[in-house]
Amino acid sequence: SRVRATGVSIPGYVDNAQGVVIRSDQLGWVDEDLRGPFERA
């Protein structure tokens, strides 16, 4: 229960307040929600 949070590092433009990857050329992403899928998983 003391494993309380996850940090995810991404190459590209990141809105860390919203948990959104605005753009990542390496991953081919534009405006992708990252926080939601990781919190659910």
PDB file of all heavy atoms in Angstrom:
ATOM      1  N   SER A   1       0.822  -1.208   0.000  1.00  0.00           N
ATOM      2  CA  SER A   1       0.000   0.000   0.000  1.00  0.00           C
ATOM      3  C   SER A   1       0.856   1.258   0.000  1.00  0.00           C
ATOM      4  O   SER A   1       0.366   2.360  -0.270  1.00  0.00           O
ATOM      5  CB  SER A   1      -0.930   0.015   1.223  1.00  0.00           C
ATOM      6  OG  SER A   1      -0.193   0.185   2.423  1.00  0.00           O
ATOM      7  N   ARG A   2       2.150   1.089   0.309  1.00  0.00           N
ATOM      8  CA  ARG A   2       3.062   2.236   0.307  1.00  0.00           C
ATOM      9  C   ARG A   2       3.672   2.504  -1.073  1.00  0.00           C
ATOM     10  O   ARG A   2       4.434   3.449  -1.232  1.00  0.00           O
ATOM     11  CB  ARG A   2       4.156   2.040   1.352  1.00  0.00           C
ATOM     12  CG  ARG A   2       3.619   2.032   2.778  1.00  0.00           C
ATOM     13  CD  ARG A   2       4.720   2.064   3.819  1.00  0.00           C
ATOM     14  NE  ARG A   2       4.168   2.117   5.162  1.00  0.00           N
ATOM     15  CZ  ARG A   2       3.785   3.233   5.771  1.00  0.00           C
ATOM     16  NH1 ARG A   2       3.920   4.395   5.147  1.00  0.00           N
ATOM     17  NH2 ARG A   2       3.282   3.203   6.982  1.00  0.00           N
ATOM     18  N   VAL A   3       3.356   1.690  -2.055  1.00  0.00           N
ATOM     19  CA  VAL A   3       3.697   2.002  -3.457  1.00  0.00           C
ATOM     20  C   VAL A   3       2.586   2.921  -3.945  1.00  0.00           C
ATOM     21  O   VAL A   3       1.524   2.475  -4.360  1.00  0.00           O
ATOM     22  CB  VAL A   3       3.800   0.730  -4.311  1.00  0.00           C
ATOM     23  CG1 VAL A   3       4.232   1.074  -5.734  1.00  0.00           C
ATOM     24  CG2 VAL A   3       4.784  -0.267  -3.689  1.00  0.00           C
ATOM     25  N   ARG A   4       2.831   4.211  -3.889  1.00  0.00           N
ATOM     26  CA  ARG A   4       1.736   5.166  -3.950  1.00  0.00           C
ATOM     27  C   ARG A   4       1.643   5.989  -5.226  1.00  0.00           C
ATOM     28  O   ARG A   4       0.663   6.713  -5.420  1.00  0.00           O
ATOM     29  CB  ARG A   4       1.810   6.121  -2.751  1.00  0.00           C
ATOM     30  CG  ARG A   4       1.655   5.427  -1.398  1.00  0.00           C
ATOM     31  CD  ARG A   4       1.588   6.458  -0.287  1.00  0.00           C
ATOM     32  NE  ARG A   4       0.420   7.311  -0.411  1.00  0.00           N
ATOM     33  CZ  ARG A   4      -0.700   7.155   0.277  1.00  0.00           C
ATOM     34  NH1 ARG A   4      -0.831   6.145   1.121  1.00  0.00           N
ATOM     35  NH2 ARG A   4      -1.701   7.998   0.125  1.00  0.00           N
ATOM     36  N   ALA A   5       2.643   5.935  -6.106  1.00  0.00           N
ATOM     37  CA  ALA A   5       2.565   6.762  -7.317  1.00  0.00           C
ATOM     38  C   ALA A   5       3.535   6.253  -8.373  1.00  0.00           C
ATOM     39  O   ALA A   5       4.482   5.525  -8.074  1.00  0.00           O
ATOM     40  CB  ALA A   5       2.859   8.229  -6.997  1.00  0.00           C
ATOM     41  N   THR A   6       3.287   6.682  -9.610  1.00  0.00           N
ATOM     42  CA  THR A   6       4.135   6.328 -10.752  1.00  0.00           C
ATOM     43  C   THR A   6       4.537   7.588 -11.492  1.00  0.00           C
ATOM     44  O   THR A   6       3.717   8.487 -11.702  1.00  0.00           O
ATOM     45  CB  THR A   6       3.380   5.401 -11.721  1.00  0.00           C
ATOM     46  OG1 THR A   6       3.092   4.170 -11.065  1.00  0.00           O
ATOM     47  CG2 THR A   6       4.197   5.118 -12.973  1.00  0.00           C
ATOM     48  N   GLY A   7       5.811   7.650 -11.889  1.00  0.00           N
ATOM     49  CA  GLY A   7       6.271   8.721 -12.757  1.00  0.00           C
ATOM     50  C   GLY A   7       6.597   8.160 -14.124  1.00  0.00           C
ATOM     51  O   GLY A   7       7.263   7.131 -14.234  1.00  0.00           O
ATOM     52  N   VAL A   8       6.113   8.819 -15.168  1.00  0.00           N
ATOM     53  CA  VAL A   8       6.357   8.370 -16.544  1.00  0.00           C
ATOM     54  C   VAL A   8       7.067   9.484 -17.304  1.00  0.00           C
ATOM     55  O   VAL A   8       6.563  10.608 -17.390  1.00  0.00           O
ATOM     56  CB  VAL A   8       5.052   7.992 -17.269  1.00  0.00           C
ATOM     57  CG1 VAL A   8       5.362   7.435 -18.658  1.00  0.00           C
ATOM     58  CG2 VAL A   8       4.252   6.982 -16.459  1.00  0.00           C
ATOM     59  N   SER A   9       8.228   9.164 -17.842  1.00  0.00           N
ATOM     60  CA  SER A   9       9.023  10.117 -18.620  1.00  0.00           C
ATOM     61  C   SER A   9       8.828   9.853 -20.106  1.00  0.00           C
ATOM     62  O   SER A   9       8.884   8.709 -20.546  1.00  0.00           O
ATOM     63  CB  SER A   9      10.503   9.982 -18.243  1.00  0.00           C
ATOM     64  OG  SER A   9      11.320  10.648 -19.172  1.00  0.00           O
ATOM     65  N   ILE A  10       8.610  10.939 -20.861  1.00  0.00           N
ATOM     66  CA  ILE A  10       8.292  10.821 -22.284  1.00  0.00           C
ATOM     67  C   ILE A  10       9.129  11.822 -23.083  1.00  0.00           C
ATOM     68  O   ILE A  10       9.264  12.976 -22.674  1.00  0.00           O
ATOM     69  CB  ILE A  10       6.782  11.116 -22.519  1.00  0.00           C
ATOM     70  CG1 ILE A  10       5.926  10.027 -21.904  1.00  0.00           C
ATOM     71  CG2 ILE A  10       6.462  11.268 -23.996  1.00  0.00           C
ATOM     72  CD1 ILE A  10       5.982   8.701 -22.614  1.00  0.00           C
ATOM     73  N   PRO A  11       9.677  11.414 -24.229  1.00  0.00           N
ATOM     74  CA  PRO A  11      10.331  12.390 -25.105  1.00  0.00           C
ATOM     75  C   PRO A  11       9.292  13.209 -25.853  1.00  0.00           C
ATOM     76  O   PRO A  11       8.338  12.657 -26.402  1.00  0.00           O
ATOM     77  CB  PRO A  11      11.135  11.505 -26.066  1.00  0.00           C
ATOM     78  CG  PRO A  11      10.364  10.221 -26.127  1.00  0.00           C
ATOM     79  CD  PRO A  11       9.758  10.041 -24.765  1.00  0.00           C
ATOM     80  N   GLY A  12       9.439  14.519 -25.850  1.00  0.00           N
ATOM     81  CA  GLY A  12       8.494  15.352 -26.579  1.00  0.00           C
ATOM     82  C   GLY A  12       7.952  16.480 -25.730  1.00  0.00           C
ATOM     83  O   GLY A  12       8.456  16.782 -24.648  1.00  0.00           O
ATOM     84  N   TYR A  13       6.918  17.104 -26.221  1.00  0.00           N
ATOM     85  CA  TYR A  13       6.266  18.213 -25.532  1.00  0.00           C
ATOM     86  C   TYR A  13       5.225  17.634 -24.572  1.00  0.00           C
ATOM     87  O   TYR A  13       4.294  16.951 -25.008  1.00  0.00           O
ATOM     88  CB  TYR A  13       5.576  19.141 -26.529  1.00  0.00           C
ATOM     89  CG  TYR A  13       6.499  19.781 -27.533  1.00  0.00           C
ATOM     90  CD1 TYR A  13       6.892  19.099 -28.687  1.00  0.00           C
ATOM     91  CD2 TYR A  13       6.976  21.070 -27.345  1.00  0.00           C
ATOM     92  CE1 TYR A  13       7.738  19.681 -29.619  1.00  0.00           C
ATOM     93  CE2 TYR A  13       7.821  21.665 -28.274  1.00  0.00           C
ATOM     94  CZ  TYR A  13       8.197  20.972 -29.409  1.00  0.00           C
ATOM     95  OH  TYR A  13       9.036  21.546 -30.322  1.00  0.00           O
ATOM     96  N   VAL A  14       5.376  17.930 -23.301  1.00  0.00           N
ATOM     97  CA  VAL A  14       4.526  17.314 -22.278  1.00  0.00           C
ATOM     98  C   VAL A  14       3.827  18.384 -21.446  1.00  0.00           C
ATOM     99  O   VAL A  14       4.476  19.298 -20.926  1.00  0.00           O
ATOM    100  CB  VAL A  14       5.365  16.402 -21.349  1.00  0.00           C
ATOM    101  CG1 VAL A  14       4.512  15.875 -20.202  1.00  0.00           C
ATOM    102  CG2 VAL A  14       5.969  15.247 -22.140  1.00  0.00           C
ATOM    103  N   ASP A  15       2.524  18.284 -21.332  1.00  0.00           N
ATOM    104  CA  ASP A  15       1.758  19.095 -20.381  1.00  0.00           C
ATOM    105  C   ASP A  15       1.649  18.279 -19.108  1.00  0.00           C
ATOM    106  O   ASP A  15       0.767  17.443 -18.963  1.00  0.00           O
ATOM    107  CB  ASP A  15       0.369  19.401 -20.957  1.00  0.00           C
ATOM    108  CG  ASP A  15      -0.473  20.294 -20.039  1.00  0.00           C
ATOM    109  OD1 ASP A  15      -0.132  20.412 -18.847  1.00  0.00           O
ATOM    110  OD2 ASP A  15      -1.473  20.851 -20.524  1.00  0.00           O
ATOM    111  N   ASN A  16       2.588  18.517 -18.171  1.00  0.00           N
ATOM    112  CA  ASN A  16       2.620  17.656 -16.988  1.00  0.00           C
ATOM    113  C   ASN A  16       1.468  17.929 -16.045  1.00  0.00           C
ATOM    114  O   ASN A  16       1.091  17.067 -15.256  1.00  0.00           O
ATOM    115  CB  ASN A  16       3.969  17.792 -16.259  1.00  0.00           C
ATOM    116  CG  ASN A  16       4.179  19.162 -15.654  1.00  0.00           C
ATOM    117  OD1 ASN A  16       3.808  20.169 -16.244  1.00  0.00           O
ATOM    118  ND2 ASN A  16       4.762  19.195 -14.484  1.00  0.00           N
ATOM    119  N   ALA A  17       0.877  19.117 -16.094  1.00  0.00           N
ATOM    120  CA  ALA A  17      -0.274  19.406 -15.229  1.00  0.00           C
ATOM    121  C   ALA A  17      -1.478  18.559 -15.633  1.00  0.00           C
ATOM    122  O   ALA A  17      -2.237  18.080 -14.779  1.00  0.00           O
ATOM    123  CB  ALA A  17      -0.622  20.891 -15.282  1.00  0.00           C
ATOM    124  N   GLN A  18      -1.672  18.358 -16.934  1.00  0.00           N
ATOM    125  CA  GLN A  18      -2.812  17.593 -17.438  1.00  0.00           C
ATOM    126  C   GLN A  18      -2.472  16.128 -17.705  1.00  0.00           C
ATOM    127  O   GLN A  18      -3.365  15.310 -17.937  1.00  0.00           O
ATOM    128  CB  GLN A  18      -3.345  18.226 -18.722  1.00  0.00           C
ATOM    129  CG  GLN A  18      -3.817  19.666 -18.558  1.00  0.00           C
ATOM    130  CD  GLN A  18      -4.960  19.792 -17.589  1.00  0.00           C
ATOM    131  OE1 GLN A  18      -5.869  18.949 -17.560  1.00  0.00           O
ATOM    132  NE2 GLN A  18      -4.945  20.838 -16.765  1.00  0.00           N
ATOM    133  N   GLY A  19      -1.174  15.804 -17.718  1.00  0.00           N
ATOM    134  CA  GLY A  19      -0.784  14.430 -18.027  1.00  0.00           C
ATOM    135  C   GLY A  19      -0.952  14.088 -19.491  1.00  0.00           C
ATOM    136  O   GLY A  19      -1.194  12.928 -19.846  1.00  0.00           O
ATOM    137  N   VAL A  20      -0.766  15.084 -20.359  1.00  0.00           N
ATOM    138  CA  VAL A  20      -0.991  14.919 -21.794  1.00  0.00           C
ATOM    139  C   VAL A  20       0.324  15.125 -22.549  1.00  0.00           C
ATOM    140  O   VAL A  20       1.095  16.040 -22.235  1.00  0.00           O
ATOM    141  CB  VAL A  20      -2.047  15.919 -22.308  1.00  0.00           C
ATOM    142  CG1 VAL A  20      -2.148  15.898 -23.825  1.00  0.00           C
ATOM    143  CG2 VAL A  20      -3.408  15.610 -21.682  1.00  0.00           C
ATOM    144  N   VAL A  21       0.583  14.273 -23.536  1.00  0.00           N
ATOM    145  CA  VAL A  21       1.715  14.452 -24.434  1.00  0.00           C
ATOM    146  C   VAL A  21       1.227  15.260 -25.630  1.00  0.00           C
ATOM    147  O   VAL A  21       0.439  14.776 -26.445  1.00  0.00           O
ATOM    148  CB  VAL A  21       2.296  13.101 -24.893  1.00  0.00           C
ATOM    149  CG1 VAL A  21       3.475  13.318 -25.833  1.00  0.00           C
ATOM    150  CG2 VAL A  21       2.723  12.266 -23.685  1.00  0.00           C
ATOM    151  N   ILE A  22       1.673  16.497 -25.708  1.00  0.00           N
ATOM    152  CA  ILE A  22       1.218  17.377 -26.780  1.00  0.00           C
ATOM    153  C   ILE A  22       1.781  16.925 -28.118  1.00  0.00           C
ATOM    154  O   ILE A  22       1.083  16.901 -29.131  1.00  0.00           O
ATOM    155  CB  ILE A  22       1.621  18.831 -26.477  1.00  0.00           C
ATOM    156  CG1 ILE A  22       0.963  19.291 -25.171  1.00  0.00           C
ATOM    157  CG2 ILE A  22       1.233  19.755 -27.626  1.00  0.00           C
ATOM    158  CD1 ILE A  22       1.458  20.632 -24.669  1.00  0.00           C
ATOM    159  N   ARG A  23       3.053  16.543 -28.104  1.00  0.00           N
ATOM    160  CA  ARG A  23       3.678  16.049 -29.335  1.00  0.00           C
ATOM    161  C   ARG A  23       4.927  15.264 -28.987  1.00  0.00           C
ATOM    162  O   ARG A  23       5.715  15.682 -28.138  1.00  0.00           O
ATOM    163  CB  ARG A  23       4.043  17.216 -30.256  1.00  0.00           C
ATOM    164  CG  ARG A  23       4.850  16.809 -31.495  1.00  0.00           C
ATOM    165  CD  ARG A  23       5.119  18.005 -32.369  1.00  0.00           C
ATOM    166  NE  ARG A  23       6.060  17.690 -33.455  1.00  0.00           N
ATOM    167  CZ  ARG A  23       6.395  18.529 -34.419  1.00  0.00           C
ATOM    168  NH1 ARG A  23       5.876  19.735 -34.450  1.00  0.00           N
ATOM    169  NH2 ARG A  23       7.250  18.171 -35.354  1.00  0.00           N
ATOM    170  N   SER A  24       5.100  14.117 -29.617  1.00  0.00           N
ATOM    171  CA  SER A  24       6.324  13.334 -29.477  1.00  0.00           C
ATOM    172  C   SER A  24       6.698  12.787 -30.840  1.00  0.00           C
ATOM    173  O   SER A  24       6.016  11.893 -31.370  1.00  0.00           O
ATOM    174  CB  SER A  24       6.140  12.181 -28.475  1.00  0.00           C
ATOM    175  OG  SER A  24       7.287  11.356 -28.453  1.00  0.00           O
ATOM    176  N   ASP A  25       7.748  13.345 -31.428  1.00  0.00           N
ATOM    177  CA  ASP A  25       8.186  12.875 -32.741  1.00  0.00           C
ATOM    178  C   ASP A  25       8.675  11.430 -32.675  1.00  0.00           C
ATOM    179  O   ASP A  25       8.448  10.641 -33.589  1.00  0.00           O
ATOM    180  CB  ASP A  25       9.311  13.771 -33.267  1.00  0.00           C
ATOM    181  CG  ASP A  25       8.827  15.174 -33.598  1.00  0.00           C
ATOM    182  OD1 ASP A  25       7.616  15.340 -33.823  1.00  0.00           O
ATOM    183  OD2 ASP A  25       9.664  16.101 -33.641  1.00  0.00           O
ATOM    184  N   GLN A  26       9.368  11.077 -31.583  1.00  0.00           N
ATOM    185  CA  GLN A  26       9.903   9.720 -31.461  1.00  0.00           C
ATOM    186  C   GLN A  26       8.807   8.672 -31.401  1.00  0.00           C
ATOM    187  O   GLN A  26       8.934   7.581 -31.955  1.00  0.00           O
ATOM    188  CB  GLN A  26      10.793   9.610 -30.216  1.00  0.00           C
ATOM    189  CG  GLN A  26      12.094  10.379 -30.311  1.00  0.00           C
ATOM    190  CD  GLN A  26      11.954  11.788 -29.761  1.00  0.00           C
ATOM    191  OE1 GLN A  26      10.899  12.397 -29.847  1.00  0.00           O
ATOM    192  NE2 GLN A  26      13.038  12.299 -29.196  1.00  0.00           N
ATOM    193  N   LEU A  27       7.719   8.981 -30.694  1.00  0.00           N
ATOM    194  CA  LEU A  27       6.628   8.017 -30.540  1.00  0.00           C
ATOM    195  C   LEU A  27       5.500   8.233 -31.548  1.00  0.00           C
ATOM    196  O   LEU A  27       4.586   7.411 -31.629  1.00  0.00           O
ATOM    197  CB  LEU A  27       6.072   8.099 -29.113  1.00  0.00           C
ATOM    198  CG  LEU A  27       7.075   7.766 -27.997  1.00  0.00           C
ATOM    199  CD1 LEU A  27       6.459   8.007 -26.620  1.00  0.00           C
ATOM    200  CD2 LEU A  27       7.553   6.328 -28.112  1.00  0.00           C
ATOM    201  N   GLY A  28       5.571   9.325 -32.285  1.00  0.00           N
ATOM    202  CA  GLY A  28       4.538   9.601 -33.282  1.00  0.00           C
ATOM    203  C   GLY A  28       3.213  10.004 -32.677  1.00  0.00           C
ATOM    204  O   GLY A  28       2.154   9.689 -33.243  1.00  0.00           O
ATOM    205  N   TRP A  29       3.225  10.712 -31.557  1.00  0.00           N
ATOM    206  CA  TRP A  29       2.002  11.078 -30.849  1.00  0.00           C
ATOM    207  C   TRP A  29       1.702  12.564 -30.997  1.00  0.00           C
ATOM    208  O   TRP A  29       2.618  13.395 -31.043  1.00  0.00           O
ATOM    209  CB  TRP A  29       2.129  10.777 -29.360  1.00  0.00           C
ATOM    210  CG  TRP A  29       2.235   9.330 -29.001  1.00  0.00           C
ATOM    211  CD1 TRP A  29       2.130   8.252 -29.829  1.00  0.00           C
ATOM    212  CD2 TRP A  29       2.478   8.802 -27.695  1.00  0.00           C
ATOM    213  NE1 TRP A  29       2.289   7.086 -29.127  1.00  0.00           N
ATOM    214  CE2 TRP A  29       2.509   7.390 -27.815  1.00  0.00           C
ATOM    215  CE3 TRP A  29       2.681   9.368 -26.435  1.00  0.00           C
ATOM    216  CZ2 TRP A  29       2.720   6.554 -26.723  1.00  0.00           C
ATOM    217  CZ3 TRP A  29       2.895   8.546 -25.354  1.00  0.00           C
ATOM    218  CH2 TRP A  29       2.912   7.146 -25.493  1.00  0.00           C
ATOM    219  N   VAL A  30       0.419  12.877 -31.021  1.00  0.00           N
ATOM    220  CA  VAL A  30      -0.056  14.247 -30.959  1.00  0.00           C
ATOM    221  C   VAL A  30      -1.279  14.271 -30.045  1.00  0.00           C
ATOM    222  O   VAL A  30      -2.239  13.523 -30.253  1.00  0.00           O
ATOM    223  CB  VAL A  30      -0.431  14.796 -32.359  1.00  0.00           C
ATOM    224  CG1 VAL A  30      -1.018  16.201 -32.227  1.00  0.00           C
ATOM    225  CG2 VAL A  30       0.789  14.817 -33.268  1.00  0.00           C
ATOM    226  N   ASP A  31      -1.218  15.109 -29.002  1.00  0.00           N
ATOM    227  CA  ASP A  31      -2.332  15.286 -28.054  1.00  0.00           C
ATOM    228  C   ASP A  31      -2.850  13.944 -27.519  1.00  0.00           C
ATOM    229  O   ASP A  31      -4.037  13.615 -27.630  1.00  0.00           O
ATOM    230  CB  ASP A  31      -3.477  16.058 -28.722  1.00  0.00           C
ATOM    231  CG  ASP A  31      -3.103  17.499 -29.010  1.00  0.00           C
ATOM    232  OD1 ASP A  31      -2.270  18.061 -28.262  1.00  0.00           O
ATOM    233  OD2 ASP A  31      -3.624  18.074 -29.987  1.00  0.00           O
ATOM    234  N   GLU A  32      -1.967  13.195 -26.913  1.00  0.00           N
ATOM    235  CA  GLU A  32      -2.324  11.892 -26.350  1.00  0.00           C
ATOM    236  C   GLU A  32      -2.399  11.977 -24.823  1.00  0.00           C
ATOM    237  O   GLU A  32      -1.470  12.458 -24.168  1.00  0.00           O
ATOM    238  CB  GLU A  32      -1.281  10.836 -26.733  1.00  0.00           C
ATOM    239  CG  GLU A  32      -1.275  10.464 -28.196  1.00  0.00           C
ATOM    240  CD  GLU A  32      -2.413   9.522 -28.569  1.00  0.00           C
ATOM    241  OE1 GLU A  32      -3.200   9.139 -27.674  1.00  0.00           O
ATOM    242  OE2 GLU A  32      -2.508   9.160 -29.752  1.00  0.00           O
ATOM    243  N   ASP A  33      -3.514  11.517 -24.276  1.00  0.00           N
ATOM    244  CA  ASP A  33      -3.646  11.414 -22.823  1.00  0.00           C
ATOM    245  C   ASP A  33      -2.804  10.240 -22.345  1.00  0.00           C
ATOM    246  O   ASP A  33      -3.020   9.101 -22.761  1.00  0.00           O
ATOM    247  CB  ASP A  33      -5.114  11.201 -22.438  1.00  0.00           C
ATOM    248  CG  ASP A  33      -5.287  10.898 -20.956  1.00  0.00           C
ATOM    249  OD1 ASP A  33      -4.505  11.439 -20.141  1.00  0.00           O
ATOM    250  OD2 ASP A  33      -6.196  10.125 -20.609  1.00  0.00           O
ATOM    251  N   LEU A  34      -1.844  10.508 -21.488  1.00  0.00           N
ATOM    252  CA  LEU A  34      -0.984   9.441 -20.974  1.00  0.00           C
ATOM    253  C   LEU A  34      -1.381   9.056 -19.551  1.00  0.00           C
ATOM    254  O   LEU A  34      -1.332   7.888 -19.189  1.00  0.00           O
ATOM    255  CB  LEU A  34       0.484   9.896 -21.003  1.00  0.00           C
ATOM    256  CG  LEU A  34       1.521   8.801 -20.772  1.00  0.00           C
ATOM    257  CD1 LEU A  34       1.560   7.848 -21.959  1.00  0.00           C
ATOM    258  CD2 LEU A  34       2.898   9.403 -20.543  1.00  0.00           C
ATOM    259  N   ARG A  35      -1.776  10.040 -18.776  1.00  0.00           N
ATOM    260  CA  ARG A  35      -2.083   9.776 -17.372  1.00  0.00           C
ATOM    261  C   ARG A  35      -3.242   8.789 -17.228  1.00  0.00           C
ATOM    262  O   ARG A  35      -3.167   7.846 -16.433  1.00  0.00           O
ATOM    263  CB  ARG A  35      -2.421  11.084 -16.657  1.00  0.00           C
ATOM    264  CG  ARG A  35      -2.807  10.901 -15.188  1.00  0.00           C
ATOM    265  CD  ARG A  35      -3.183  12.223 -14.558  1.00  0.00           C
ATOM    266  NE  ARG A  35      -2.031  13.104 -14.481  1.00  0.00           N
ATOM    267  CZ  ARG A  35      -2.117  14.416 -14.336  1.00  0.00           C
ATOM    268  NH1 ARG A  35      -3.305  15.002 -14.299  1.00  0.00           N
ATOM    269  NH2 ARG A  35      -1.021  15.144 -14.239  1.00  0.00           N
ATOM    270  N   GLY A  36      -4.301   8.982 -17.991  1.00  0.00           N
ATOM    271  CA  GLY A  36      -5.486   8.138 -17.842  1.00  0.00           C
ATOM    272  C   GLY A  36      -5.198   6.655 -18.011  1.00  0.00           C
ATOM    273  O   GLY A  36      -5.502   5.850 -17.122  1.00  0.00           O
ATOM    274  N   PRO A  37      -4.624   6.231 -19.155  1.00  0.00           N
ATOM    275  CA  PRO A  37      -4.338   4.802 -19.341  1.00  0.00           C
ATOM    276  C   PRO A  37      -3.416   4.228 -18.266  1.00  0.00           C
ATOM    277  O   PRO A  37      -3.622   3.095 -17.814  1.00  0.00           O
ATOM    278  CB  PRO A  37      -3.680   4.758 -20.725  1.00  0.00           C
ATOM    279  CG  PRO A  37      -4.196   5.952 -21.435  1.00  0.00           C
ATOM    280  CD  PRO A  37      -4.343   7.003 -20.389  1.00  0.00           C
ATOM    281  N   PHE A  38      -2.415   4.979 -17.836  1.00  0.00           N
ATOM    282  CA  PHE A  38      -1.494   4.471 -16.823  1.00  0.00           C
ATOM    283  C   PHE A  38      -2.171   4.367 -15.452  1.00  0.00           C
ATOM    284  O   PHE A  38      -1.928   3.408 -14.714  1.00  0.00           O
ATOM    285  CB  PHE A  38      -0.241   5.342 -16.741  1.00  0.00           C
ATOM    286  CG  PHE A  38       0.857   4.898 -17.668  1.00  0.00           C
ATOM    287  CD1 PHE A  38       0.884   5.318 -18.993  1.00  0.00           C
ATOM    288  CD2 PHE A  38       1.845   4.040 -17.226  1.00  0.00           C
ATOM    289  CE1 PHE A  38       1.883   4.902 -19.857  1.00  0.00           C
ATOM    290  CE2 PHE A  38       2.857   3.614 -18.084  1.00  0.00           C
ATOM    291  CZ  PHE A  38       2.868   4.044 -19.405  1.00  0.00           C
ATOM    292  N   GLU A  39      -2.999   5.325 -15.110  1.00  0.00           N
ATOM    293  CA  GLU A  39      -3.693   5.234 -13.821  1.00  0.00           C
ATOM    294  C   GLU A  39      -4.661   4.061 -13.803  1.00  0.00           C
ATOM    295  O   GLU A  39      -4.804   3.383 -12.785  1.00  0.00           O
ATOM    296  CB  GLU A  39      -4.419   6.550 -13.522  1.00  0.00           C
ATOM    297  CG  GLU A  39      -3.461   7.682 -13.152  1.00  0.00           C
ATOM    298  CD  GLU A  39      -4.169   8.928 -12.662  1.00  0.00           C
ATOM    299  OE1 GLU A  39      -5.384   9.084 -12.951  1.00  0.00           O
ATOM    300  OE2 GLU A  39      -3.515   9.763 -11.996  1.00  0.00           O
ATOM    301  N   ARG A  40      -5.301   3.801 -14.941  1.00  0.00           N
ATOM    302  CA  ARG A  40      -6.215   2.657 -14.993  1.00  0.00           C
ATOM    303  C   ARG A  40      -5.449   1.334 -14.931  1.00  0.00           C
ATOM    304  O   ARG A  40      -5.905   0.367 -14.299  1.00  0.00           O
ATOM    305  CB  ARG A  40      -7.062   2.726 -16.268  1.00  0.00           C
ATOM    306  CG  ARG A  40      -8.110   3.836 -16.257  1.00  0.00           C
ATOM    307  CD  ARG A  40      -9.069   3.719 -17.433  1.00  0.00           C
ATOM    308  NE  ARG A  40      -8.417   4.021 -18.706  1.00  0.00           N
ATOM    309  CZ  ARG A  40      -8.315   5.239 -19.217  1.00  0.00           C
ATOM    310  NH1 ARG A  40      -8.811   6.273 -18.554  1.00  0.00           N
ATOM    311  NH2 ARG A  40      -7.736   5.438 -20.389  1.00  0.00           N
ATOM    312  N   ALA A  41      -4.283   1.282 -15.575  1.00  0.00           N
ATOM    313  CA  ALA A  41      -3.516   0.032 -15.609  1.00  0.00           C
ATOM    314  C   ALA A  41      -2.805  -0.261 -14.298  1.00  0.00           C
ATOM    315  O   ALA A  41      -2.673  -1.428 -13.904  1.00  0.00           O
ATOM    316  CB  ALA A  41      -2.497   0.083 -16.750  1.00  0.00           C
TER     317      ALA A  41
END
